[in-house]
Protein backbone atom coordinates (compact mmCIF):
# COMPACT_ATOMS: atom_id res chain seq x y z
CA UNK A 1 194.68 129.45 128.07
CA UNK A 2 192.78 126.53 129.63
CA UNK A 3 193.16 124.45 126.47
CA UNK A 4 196.92 125.20 126.42
CA UNK A 5 197.29 124.02 130.02
CA UNK A 6 195.26 120.90 129.27
CA UNK A 7 197.39 120.18 126.19
CA UNK A 8 200.61 120.57 128.19
CA UNK A 9 199.37 118.31 131.00
CA UNK A 10 198.28 115.57 128.64
CA UNK A 11 201.60 115.74 126.75
CA UNK A 12 203.73 115.40 129.91
CA UNK A 13 201.51 112.56 131.15
CA UNK A 14 201.88 110.75 127.83
CA UNK A 15 205.64 111.23 127.79
CA UNK A 16 205.98 109.99 131.35
CA UNK A 17 203.89 106.93 130.68
CA UNK A 18 205.72 106.08 127.47
CA UNK A 19 209.06 106.35 129.21
CA UNK A 20 208.30 103.55 131.61
CA UNK A 21 210.04 100.22 131.15
CA UNK A 22 208.18 97.61 129.14
CA UNK A 23 206.42 94.86 131.06
CA UNK A 24 206.63 91.15 130.26
CA UNK A 25 203.64 88.81 130.40
CA UNK A 26 204.83 85.22 130.97
CA UNK A 27 201.71 83.56 129.55
CA UNK A 28 198.11 84.22 128.77
CA UNK A 29 194.85 82.34 128.23
CA UNK A 30 191.44 83.35 126.84
CA UNK A 31 188.70 83.95 129.38
CA UNK A 32 186.23 85.68 127.01
CA UNK A 33 185.07 88.44 129.33
CA UNK A 34 183.42 91.62 128.05
CA UNK A 35 185.50 94.80 128.04
CA UNK A 36 182.99 96.54 130.31
CA UNK A 37 183.39 93.88 133.01
CA UNK A 38 187.19 93.95 132.70
CA UNK A 39 187.26 97.74 133.17
CA UNK A 40 185.15 97.48 136.33
CA UNK A 41 187.58 94.89 137.73
CA UNK A 42 190.61 97.05 136.90
CA UNK A 43 189.05 100.08 138.60
CA UNK A 44 188.78 98.08 141.83
CA UNK A 45 192.17 96.41 141.59
CA UNK A 46 194.26 99.48 140.68
CA UNK A 47 192.08 102.22 142.24
CA UNK A 48 191.75 104.10 138.97
CA UNK A 49 188.86 105.57 137.07
CA UNK A 50 188.17 105.04 133.36
CA UNK A 51 186.65 107.81 131.28
CA UNK A 52 185.07 106.87 127.98
CA UNK A 53 181.94 107.14 125.84
CA UNK A 54 179.92 103.92 125.53
CA UNK A 55 178.95 105.05 122.03
CA UNK A 56 182.57 104.77 120.83
CA UNK A 57 184.14 102.11 123.07
CA UNK A 58 183.05 98.48 122.28
CA UNK A 59 182.13 97.46 125.85
CA UNK A 60 180.42 94.24 124.72
CA UNK A 61 183.48 92.90 122.84
CA UNK A 62 185.24 89.97 124.49
CA UNK A 63 188.87 90.20 125.61
CA UNK A 64 191.32 87.65 127.00
CA UNK A 65 193.72 88.73 129.72
CA UNK A 66 195.93 86.71 132.07
CA UNK A 67 198.57 88.60 134.02
CA UNK A 68 200.97 87.41 136.68
CA UNK A 69 200.76 88.75 140.19
CA UNK A 70 202.49 92.12 140.32
CA UNK A 71 201.78 93.05 136.73
CA UNK A 72 201.31 96.76 136.10
CA UNK A 73 198.11 98.35 134.77
CA UNK A 74 200.00 99.54 131.69
CA UNK A 75 200.86 95.96 130.70
CA UNK A 76 197.25 94.86 130.98
CA UNK A 77 195.97 97.87 129.04
CA UNK A 78 198.55 97.23 126.30
CA UNK A 79 197.20 93.70 125.93
CA UNK A 80 193.60 94.96 125.71
CA UNK A 81 194.60 97.54 123.08
CA UNK A 82 196.21 94.77 121.05
CA UNK A 83 192.88 92.90 120.91
CA UNK A 84 190.46 95.81 120.42
CA UNK A 85 190.64 98.97 118.28
CA UNK A 86 191.11 101.34 121.20
CA UNK A 87 193.91 103.39 122.76
CA UNK A 88 194.36 104.89 126.21
CA UNK A 89 196.04 107.70 128.08
CA UNK A 90 196.79 107.70 131.84
CA UNK A 91 196.90 110.83 133.96
CA UNK A 92 197.27 110.17 137.65
CA UNK A 93 194.50 107.85 138.73
CA UNK A 94 192.39 108.52 135.62
CA UNK A 95 192.64 106.52 132.38
CA UNK A 96 190.96 107.92 129.29
CA UNK A 97 189.89 105.58 126.48
CA UNK A 98 189.24 106.54 122.88
CA UNK A 99 188.80 104.70 119.58
CA UNK A 100 191.97 103.77 117.70
CA UNK A 101 192.39 104.27 113.97
CA UNK A 102 194.40 101.07 113.54
CA UNK A 103 192.93 98.59 111.06
CA UNK A 104 194.81 95.44 112.13
CA UNK A 105 194.69 93.68 115.47
CA UNK A 106 198.26 92.93 116.49
CA UNK A 107 197.42 89.49 117.82
CA UNK A 108 196.59 88.31 114.30
CA UNK A 109 199.79 89.39 112.53
CA UNK A 110 202.49 86.92 111.42
CA UNK A 111 206.11 87.30 112.57
CA UNK A 112 208.01 89.53 110.18
CA UNK A 113 210.92 87.90 108.42
CA UNK A 114 213.96 90.00 107.57
CA UNK A 115 214.16 91.20 104.01
CA UNK A 116 217.35 91.20 101.95
CA UNK A 117 218.15 94.82 101.37
CA UNK A 118 221.72 94.45 100.04
CA UNK A 119 224.23 91.91 98.88
CA UNK A 120 226.77 91.35 101.66
CA UNK A 121 228.24 88.51 103.72
CA UNK A 122 225.35 89.05 106.15
CA UNK A 123 222.82 88.43 103.38
CA UNK A 124 224.44 85.83 101.08
CA UNK A 125 222.98 85.06 97.67
CA UNK A 126 222.25 81.42 98.56
CA UNK A 127 218.58 81.14 99.57
CA UNK A 128 219.17 78.25 101.99
CA UNK A 129 221.95 80.17 103.75
CA UNK A 130 219.80 83.28 104.02
CA UNK A 131 217.04 81.22 105.59
CA UNK A 132 219.45 79.66 108.06
CA UNK A 133 220.81 83.05 109.08
CA UNK A 134 217.34 84.55 109.37
CA UNK A 135 216.49 81.96 111.99
CA UNK A 136 219.53 82.95 114.06
CA UNK A 137 219.20 86.72 113.70
CA UNK A 138 216.88 89.15 115.43
CA UNK A 139 214.37 90.69 113.03
CA UNK A 140 215.01 94.25 111.96
CA UNK A 141 211.70 95.31 113.56
CA UNK A 142 210.12 93.67 116.59
CA UNK A 143 207.93 90.68 115.87
CA UNK A 144 204.39 90.68 117.17
CA UNK A 145 204.52 87.08 118.39
CA UNK A 146 207.36 84.73 119.23
CA UNK A 147 206.70 81.30 120.69
CA UNK A 148 209.13 78.78 122.17
CA UNK A 149 207.96 75.25 121.43
CA UNK A 150 209.32 72.48 123.63
CA UNK A 151 208.52 68.92 122.54
CA UNK A 152 207.13 66.54 125.15
CA UNK A 153 206.12 63.25 123.60
CA UNK A 154 202.87 63.77 121.73
CA UNK A 155 202.23 67.19 123.24
CA UNK A 156 203.84 70.60 123.21
CA UNK A 157 203.43 73.88 125.03
CA UNK A 158 203.81 77.47 123.92
CA UNK A 159 205.17 80.28 126.03
CA UNK A 160 204.55 83.85 124.95
CA UNK A 161 207.55 86.07 125.65
CA UNK A 162 206.56 89.14 123.61
CA UNK A 163 207.35 92.56 125.00
CA UNK A 164 204.41 94.95 125.15
CA UNK A 165 205.20 98.60 124.49
CA UNK A 166 202.89 101.56 124.91
CA UNK A 167 201.96 103.26 121.62
CA UNK A 168 203.21 106.78 121.14
CA UNK A 169 200.83 109.41 122.53
CA UNK A 170 198.48 110.79 119.87
CA UNK A 171 198.47 114.45 119.08
CA UNK A 172 195.89 116.29 121.17
CA UNK A 173 193.36 118.00 118.91
CA UNK A 174 190.06 119.69 119.59
CA UNK A 175 188.22 116.58 118.38
CA UNK A 176 190.30 114.24 120.52
CA UNK A 177 189.85 116.53 123.48
CA UNK A 178 186.07 116.17 123.18
CA UNK A 179 186.31 112.37 122.90
CA UNK A 180 188.37 112.20 126.09
CA UNK A 181 185.51 113.62 128.12
CA UNK A 182 182.63 111.69 126.57
CA UNK A 183 180.84 109.57 129.20
CA UNK A 184 181.84 111.77 132.14
CA UNK A 185 179.82 111.69 135.36
CA UNK A 186 178.96 114.65 137.54
CA UNK A 187 177.26 115.08 140.86
CA UNK A 188 174.53 117.48 139.72
CA UNK A 189 173.30 119.72 136.92
CA UNK A 190 170.65 122.40 136.54
CA UNK A 191 169.17 123.47 133.22
CA UNK A 192 166.36 125.65 131.97
CA UNK A 193 166.19 124.45 128.36
CA UNK A 194 168.26 121.87 126.41
CA UNK A 195 171.94 122.87 126.54
CA UNK A 196 171.06 125.94 128.60
CA UNK A 197 172.42 124.82 131.94
CA UNK A 198 175.49 123.98 133.94
CA UNK A 199 176.70 121.31 131.45
CA UNK A 200 176.23 123.62 128.44
CA UNK A 201 177.03 121.99 125.08
CA UNK A 202 178.17 118.77 126.76
CA UNK A 203 174.77 118.10 128.36
CA UNK A 204 174.03 115.11 126.12
CA UNK A 205 177.34 113.43 127.10
CA UNK A 206 177.33 113.62 130.89
CA UNK A 207 175.62 111.32 133.38
CA UNK A 208 174.41 113.14 136.49
CA UNK A 209 173.58 111.87 139.95
CA UNK A 210 171.10 114.70 140.46
CA UNK A 211 169.45 116.48 137.53
CA UNK A 212 167.03 119.40 137.76
CA UNK A 213 165.40 120.63 134.55
CA UNK A 214 163.36 123.72 135.29
CA UNK A 215 161.45 123.47 131.99
CA UNK A 216 163.04 121.08 129.52
CA UNK A 217 166.42 119.36 129.75
CA UNK A 218 168.62 117.00 127.75
CA UNK A 219 171.24 114.87 129.51
CA UNK A 220 173.47 111.90 128.77
CA UNK A 221 172.19 109.78 131.65
CA UNK A 222 170.87 109.76 135.20
CA UNK A 223 172.26 107.75 138.11
CA UNK A 224 170.15 108.95 140.99
CA UNK A 225 167.33 111.49 140.67
CA UNK A 226 165.99 113.66 137.86
CA UNK A 227 163.09 116.12 138.13
CA UNK A 228 161.73 118.06 135.17
CA UNK A 229 159.15 120.78 135.22
CA UNK A 230 157.90 119.80 131.76
CA UNK A 231 160.07 117.36 129.85
CA UNK A 232 163.16 115.19 130.41
CA UNK A 233 165.22 113.74 127.57
CA UNK A 234 167.97 111.20 128.30
CA UNK A 235 170.31 109.94 125.60
CA UNK A 236 171.51 106.82 127.44
CA UNK A 237 170.22 105.13 130.64
CA UNK A 238 168.38 106.08 133.81
CA UNK A 239 169.04 104.38 137.15
CA UNK A 240 166.99 105.75 140.01
CA UNK A 241 163.95 108.03 139.93
CA UNK A 242 162.78 110.22 137.05
CA UNK A 243 159.82 112.59 137.41
CA UNK A 244 158.39 114.99 134.83
CA UNK A 245 155.39 117.27 134.76
CA UNK A 246 154.55 116.30 131.17
CA UNK A 247 156.77 113.39 130.17
CA UNK A 248 160.17 111.76 129.83
CA UNK A 249 162.00 110.23 126.87
CA UNK A 250 164.89 107.80 127.44
CA UNK A 251 167.08 106.41 124.67
CA UNK A 252 168.36 103.47 126.75
CA UNK A 253 167.16 101.47 129.76
CA UNK A 254 165.34 102.57 132.90
CA UNK A 255 166.04 100.84 136.20
CA UNK A 256 163.93 102.29 138.96
CA UNK A 257 160.84 104.49 138.90
CA UNK A 258 159.63 106.71 136.08
CA UNK A 259 156.64 109.02 136.59
CA UNK A 260 155.15 111.32 133.95
CA UNK A 261 152.14 113.57 134.15
CA UNK A 262 151.18 112.69 130.56
CA UNK A 263 153.57 110.09 129.11
CA UNK A 264 156.80 108.09 129.34
CA UNK A 265 158.63 106.84 126.23
CA UNK A 266 161.66 104.52 126.48
CA UNK A 267 163.59 102.79 123.69
CA UNK A 268 165.17 100.22 125.99
CA UNK A 269 164.11 98.02 128.90
CA UNK A 270 162.17 99.22 131.94
CA UNK A 271 162.79 97.50 135.28
CA UNK A 272 160.76 98.85 138.18
CA UNK A 273 157.73 101.13 137.86
CA UNK A 274 156.48 103.20 134.94
CA UNK A 275 153.45 105.37 135.62
CA UNK A 276 151.83 108.05 133.46
CA UNK A 277 148.59 109.96 133.32
CA UNK A 278 147.93 109.06 129.66
CA UNK A 279 150.31 106.44 128.21
CA UNK A 280 153.56 104.50 128.59
CA UNK A 281 155.70 103.13 125.74
CA UNK A 282 158.78 100.96 126.23
CA UNK A 283 160.98 98.61 124.26
CA UNK A 284 160.69 95.88 126.90
CA UNK A 285 159.36 95.81 130.47
CA UNK A 286 160.05 93.92 133.65
CA UNK A 287 157.98 96.26 135.71
CA UNK A 288 154.61 97.67 136.65
CA UNK A 289 153.15 99.77 133.85
CA UNK A 290 150.20 101.93 134.90
CA UNK A 291 148.55 104.51 132.61
CA UNK A 292 145.29 106.34 132.31
CA UNK A 293 144.74 105.30 128.67
CA UNK A 294 147.19 102.69 127.37
CA UNK A 295 150.50 100.84 127.79
CA UNK A 296 152.64 99.52 124.94
CA UNK A 297 155.68 97.25 125.22
CA UNK A 298 157.32 96.59 121.85
CA UNK A 299 159.08 93.52 123.25
CA UNK A 300 158.30 91.25 126.20
CA UNK A 301 156.27 92.51 129.14
CA UNK A 302 156.90 90.83 132.50
CA UNK A 303 154.96 92.11 135.48
CA UNK A 304 151.75 94.14 135.40
CA UNK A 305 150.17 96.24 132.67
CA UNK A 306 147.14 98.19 133.90
CA UNK A 307 145.40 100.91 131.89
CA UNK A 308 142.09 102.63 131.35
CA UNK A 309 141.71 101.53 127.72
CA UNK A 310 144.14 98.89 126.43
CA UNK A 311 147.50 97.14 126.85
CA UNK A 312 149.72 95.78 124.06
CA UNK A 313 152.76 93.53 124.31
CA UNK A 314 154.76 92.87 121.14
CA UNK A 315 156.28 89.72 122.65
CA UNK A 316 155.46 87.70 125.74
CA UNK A 317 153.26 88.96 128.57
CA UNK A 318 154.58 87.04 131.56
CA UNK A 319 152.35 88.63 134.13
CA UNK A 320 148.91 90.23 134.22
CA UNK A 321 147.25 92.56 131.72
CA UNK A 322 144.22 94.52 132.97
CA UNK A 323 142.26 97.01 130.83
CA UNK A 324 138.72 98.28 130.41
CA UNK A 325 138.64 97.67 126.63
CA UNK A 326 141.16 95.05 125.46
CA UNK A 327 144.52 93.36 125.97
CA UNK A 328 146.76 92.03 123.22
CA UNK A 329 149.91 89.92 123.41
CA UNK A 330 151.82 88.42 120.49
CA UNK A 331 153.40 85.60 122.48
CA UNK A 332 153.07 83.57 125.65
CA UNK A 333 150.74 85.15 128.19
CA UNK A 334 149.94 84.50 131.84
CA UNK A 335 146.58 86.20 132.45
CA UNK A 336 144.39 88.84 130.80
CA UNK A 337 141.33 90.67 132.15
CA UNK A 338 139.39 93.17 130.05
CA UNK A 339 135.95 94.64 129.49
CA UNK A 340 135.63 93.67 125.80
CA UNK A 341 138.18 91.20 124.46
CA UNK A 342 141.59 89.57 124.94
CA UNK A 343 143.99 88.19 122.32
CA UNK A 344 147.16 86.24 123.04
CA UNK A 345 149.41 83.42 121.87
CA UNK A 346 149.70 80.56 124.35
CA UNK A 347 147.99 81.20 127.70
CA UNK A 348 149.04 79.66 131.00
CA UNK A 349 146.56 81.06 133.44
CA UNK A 350 143.34 82.60 132.23
CA UNK A 351 141.51 85.03 129.98
CA UNK A 352 138.47 86.88 131.28
CA UNK A 353 136.40 89.34 129.24
CA UNK A 354 132.77 90.25 128.64
CA UNK A 355 132.70 89.55 124.90
CA UNK A 356 135.56 87.61 123.29
CA UNK A 357 138.77 85.71 124.07
CA UNK A 358 141.20 84.29 121.52
CA UNK A 359 144.35 82.24 122.09
CA UNK A 360 146.35 79.37 120.63
CA UNK A 361 146.98 76.91 123.45
CA UNK A 362 145.22 77.49 126.77
CA UNK A 363 146.49 75.75 129.90
CA UNK A 364 143.92 77.26 132.22
CA UNK A 365 140.54 78.82 131.56
CA UNK A 366 138.67 81.21 129.29
CA UNK A 367 135.61 83.13 130.43
CA UNK A 368 133.69 85.22 127.87
CA UNK A 369 130.59 85.22 125.74
CA UNK A 370 132.69 83.70 122.91
CA UNK A 371 135.96 81.82 123.40
CA UNK A 372 138.21 80.73 120.52
CA UNK A 373 141.35 78.60 120.86
CA UNK A 374 143.37 75.96 119.03
CA UNK A 375 143.76 73.69 122.07
CA UNK A 376 142.37 73.93 125.61
CA UNK A 377 143.80 71.97 128.54
CA UNK A 378 141.39 73.50 130.98
CA UNK A 379 137.89 74.93 130.95
CA UNK A 380 136.45 77.40 128.42
CA UNK A 381 133.31 78.96 129.92
CA UNK A 382 131.08 80.84 127.51
CA UNK A 383 127.92 80.83 125.46
CA UNK A 384 129.97 79.68 122.47
CA UNK A 385 133.33 77.90 122.73
CA UNK A 386 135.20 77.15 119.51
CA UNK A 387 138.21 74.89 120.03
CA UNK A 388 139.95 73.71 116.87
CA UNK A 389 141.39 70.58 118.49
CA UNK A 390 138.55 70.13 120.98
CA UNK A 391 135.25 68.31 121.39
CA UNK A 392 133.26 69.12 118.23
CA UNK A 393 130.37 66.70 117.58
CA UNK A 394 127.01 66.42 115.80
CA UNK A 395 124.47 63.89 117.07
CA UNK A 396 120.99 62.49 116.44
CA UNK A 397 119.01 61.11 119.37
CA UNK A 398 115.58 60.17 120.67
CA UNK A 399 113.80 60.11 124.05
CA UNK A 400 110.27 59.80 125.38
CA UNK A 401 109.70 63.60 125.48
CA UNK A 402 111.00 64.51 122.00
CA UNK A 403 111.06 61.69 119.47
CA UNK A 404 113.70 63.22 117.15
CA UNK A 405 116.57 65.45 118.29
CA UNK A 406 119.56 67.00 116.55
CA UNK A 407 122.38 68.62 118.54
CA UNK A 408 125.62 70.45 117.77
CA UNK A 409 128.28 70.28 120.50
CA UNK A 410 131.28 72.64 120.48
CA UNK A 411 134.07 73.24 122.97
CA UNK A 412 136.60 71.25 124.97
CA UNK A 413 136.30 67.80 126.49
CA UNK A 414 136.12 69.36 129.93
CA UNK A 415 133.33 71.80 128.97
CA UNK A 416 131.31 72.20 125.79
CA UNK A 417 128.17 73.96 124.57
CA UNK A 418 125.09 72.23 123.18
CA UNK A 419 122.75 73.74 120.59
CA UNK A 420 119.72 71.48 120.28
CA UNK A 421 116.46 71.20 118.37
CA UNK A 422 113.82 68.48 118.81
CA UNK A 423 110.42 67.40 117.53
CA UNK A 424 107.50 65.15 118.46
CA UNK A 425 104.22 64.27 116.79
CA UNK A 426 100.90 63.27 118.30
CA UNK A 427 97.44 62.27 117.06
CA UNK A 428 94.94 65.03 117.85
CA UNK A 429 91.22 65.32 117.22
CA UNK A 430 90.37 67.93 114.62
CA UNK A 431 87.01 68.92 113.06
CA UNK A 432 86.16 66.91 109.92
CA UNK A 433 84.71 68.07 106.63
CA UNK A 434 81.19 66.85 107.51
CA UNK A 435 81.26 68.03 111.10
CA UNK A 436 82.51 64.80 112.74
CA UNK A 437 85.84 64.85 114.64
CA UNK A 438 88.76 63.22 112.94
CA UNK A 439 92.23 62.33 114.27
CA UNK A 440 95.23 63.95 112.55
CA UNK A 441 98.92 64.15 113.26
CA UNK A 442 99.92 67.34 115.09
CA UNK A 443 103.54 68.46 115.51
CA UNK A 444 105.32 70.14 118.43
CA UNK A 445 108.95 71.21 118.46
CA UNK A 446 111.56 72.54 120.86
CA UNK A 447 114.64 74.74 120.68
CA UNK A 448 117.27 74.85 123.43
CA UNK A 449 120.76 75.28 124.75
CA UNK A 450 122.89 73.28 127.14
CA UNK A 451 126.32 72.46 128.50
CA UNK A 452 128.19 69.22 128.97
CA UNK A 453 131.40 67.46 129.88
CA UNK A 454 132.89 64.16 128.82
CA UNK A 455 135.21 61.64 130.41
CA UNK A 456 137.12 59.13 128.29
CA UNK A 457 137.80 55.79 129.99
CA UNK A 458 139.40 53.99 127.05
CA UNK A 459 140.03 54.98 123.42
CA UNK A 460 136.61 53.47 122.59
CA UNK A 461 134.52 54.10 125.74
CA UNK A 462 133.47 57.46 127.13
CA UNK A 463 130.83 58.98 129.37
CA UNK A 464 128.92 62.26 128.79
CA UNK A 465 127.09 64.30 131.40
CA UNK A 466 124.83 66.98 129.89
CA UNK A 467 122.24 69.50 131.00
CA UNK A 468 119.89 71.18 128.50
CA UNK A 469 116.91 73.52 128.62
CA UNK A 470 114.43 73.57 125.70
CA UNK A 471 111.42 75.76 125.02
CA UNK A 472 108.59 73.57 123.72
CA UNK A 473 106.19 74.98 121.15
CA UNK A 474 103.04 72.86 121.31
CA UNK A 475 100.81 72.50 118.27
CA UNK A 476 101.84 75.95 116.96
CA UNK A 477 104.78 77.87 115.58
CA UNK A 478 105.70 79.54 118.87
CA UNK A 479 104.23 79.21 122.31
CA UNK A 480 104.36 82.48 124.20
CA UNK A 481 103.77 81.02 127.67
CA UNK A 482 106.57 79.47 129.70
CA UNK A 483 106.87 75.87 128.57
CA UNK A 484 110.34 74.52 129.36
CA UNK A 485 111.69 71.00 129.21
CA UNK A 486 114.80 70.69 131.39
CA UNK A 487 116.87 67.54 130.96
CA UNK A 488 119.88 66.04 132.74
CA UNK A 489 121.38 63.03 130.97
CA UNK A 490 124.12 60.51 131.70
CA UNK A 491 125.12 58.43 128.68
CA UNK A 492 127.82 55.93 127.79
CA UNK A 493 129.22 56.06 124.28
CA UNK A 494 131.16 53.51 122.29
CA UNK A 495 133.37 54.61 119.37
CA UNK A 496 133.64 52.64 116.19
CA UNK A 497 136.94 51.53 114.70
CA UNK A 498 137.36 54.85 112.90
CA UNK A 499 136.66 56.77 116.15
CA UNK A 500 134.60 59.24 114.16
CA UNK A 501 131.22 57.64 114.90
CA UNK A 502 129.89 56.52 118.28
CA UNK A 503 126.65 55.06 119.64
CA UNK A 504 125.37 56.13 123.04
CA UNK A 505 122.52 55.46 125.46
CA UNK A 506 121.63 56.18 129.05
CA UNK A 507 119.10 57.53 131.53
CA UNK A 508 117.70 61.04 131.29
CA UNK A 509 115.91 63.00 134.02
CA UNK A 510 113.15 65.39 132.88
CA UNK A 511 111.59 68.38 134.62
CA UNK A 512 108.69 70.02 132.75
CA UNK A 513 107.93 73.60 133.82
CA UNK A 514 104.75 74.90 132.13
CA UNK A 515 102.27 77.72 132.36
CA UNK A 516 100.32 76.57 129.31
CA UNK A 517 96.58 76.25 130.11
CA UNK A 518 94.07 73.97 128.39
CA UNK A 519 91.64 76.25 126.47
CA UNK A 520 88.61 74.17 127.50
CA UNK A 521 89.33 73.17 131.09
CA UNK A 522 91.91 75.84 132.08
CA UNK A 523 94.15 73.14 133.55
CA UNK A 524 97.86 74.05 133.62
CA UNK A 525 100.47 71.79 132.05
CA UNK A 526 101.76 70.52 128.75
CA UNK A 527 99.07 69.20 126.42
CA UNK A 528 101.36 66.86 124.49
CA UNK A 529 104.20 65.74 126.80
CA UNK A 530 102.39 63.33 129.10
CA UNK A 531 104.67 60.51 130.33
CA UNK A 532 103.13 57.24 131.48
CA UNK A 533 104.36 57.86 135.02
CA UNK A 534 105.76 60.74 137.08
CA UNK A 535 107.93 60.88 140.18
CA UNK A 536 106.59 64.27 141.27
CA UNK A 537 103.90 66.65 140.03
CA UNK A 538 102.24 69.83 141.27
CA UNK A 539 102.31 73.59 141.38
CA UNK A 540 99.66 76.33 141.40
CA UNK A 541 100.58 79.14 139.00
CA UNK A 542 103.22 76.96 137.28
CA UNK A 543 102.81 73.25 136.66
CA UNK A 544 105.82 71.06 137.49
CA UNK A 545 106.27 67.45 136.42
CA UNK A 546 109.34 65.27 137.05
CA UNK A 547 110.10 61.83 135.59
CA UNK A 548 113.03 59.70 134.40
CA UNK A 549 113.31 58.24 130.92
CA UNK A 550 115.83 56.76 128.50
CA UNK A 551 117.78 58.41 125.67
CA UNK A 552 119.87 56.93 122.87
CA UNK A 553 121.37 57.92 119.56
CA UNK A 554 124.36 58.19 117.24
CA UNK A 555 127.14 60.78 117.40
CA UNK A 556 129.45 61.97 114.60
């Protein structure tokens, strides 16, 4: 009985609407506005409400509408239906949209010329006469477009004077009846299980302002608040607050706050807050993502990603990623902080981890045991910094403490690491074959690490400031006692024409810290490094000696 009443009401509404007089649009121009935006404007202007399903109505398609003041809603809707494959039905202040089965868009059809259907004075046999008469006669069926061209020098103007008629109302079937109500909105719904609730079989089609799912519910959308005892499933979008004891799954976008006891999974964009006890997954985020274990954004992630284990962004990470294990971003990244390692594309900010950082271009800093980058316009701080387009040099040098030194320097111009080895040789008395003492050459060597920075004044002139610490092994393979040579050098370097080789020289300050004791006298201090003069010397349990010397060498 209800379906019969609905059928009768729709039929009378269609008949009444079709019986209205046609409206005339004097002109039109293309404004290329999406159908969704046009419908919102019409709802405000005419105080009507449109019912449709976004899955079947092309809301993103562009339409062009220009109506004179006083034009009726029917005239505007006719013009929209001419441009898009849709049809409409008006009942009171509600307009229902549904897909149209038409295959041609009326605005693209050519005017129909009359066909000769019989031989008569009206349709003479002469082709030229028939053409002349066809220009003076009204076509047998209405043309889709007629334009009046008025010459005006080198320009002309076209005035559209077509009449727009409403299409005949389609037959109301069970399938059409369902399409009419797709995309409906309701104030509230209550469900126990999917499709076991107040919206019944239409649960997946309706957007609710308030949704209560006692255990598990499926709904078309949420525009307000949804609370689920266990699980929420939304086919389209969520705007507002969504809370679930276990988790929520959304097929579209989320604008607002989403809280899940275990997880949240969204196919679209998240704007706002997404928090879960275990993990969050989204297509794209402009929000705060907080999870006990991990966060994943398949697209860009703007905002904050904080988790107990790791964060992953499939695109950019324009914000901050914080995790106890690692952070990974495929594109541009602001900042990353982790317990183990970070990986990103270009970084504008910083990467901080305990073990390893990797990026392409870094406009900021990297702090880790090992830092790897293509280019660094900042400071990489670590035990080992590998910068592809950075300061990577090998040098040979000499000073008064160690006669021959080789050093490998890796990093950026602003900060680089130094791995250094040096050697010296001295004449020492050794027992001879017949018991007399003889002098022989004895070797000592050092192994150390340092840091440095360089400043380029011209393409050929640069200055290096370096600090190194070397353990000196005197007259043996390895000296167990503390025996450190600390050096601070300031050198000027001049590049050759090829800029691949440079010569450098400059002063070097030395501080010898030693607990090595002479086996005969017990005196503390180095037995081989004995400069001709010292600026300071002393110490009880540890011998200290400070002096200034000169260093020079060649750098490749």
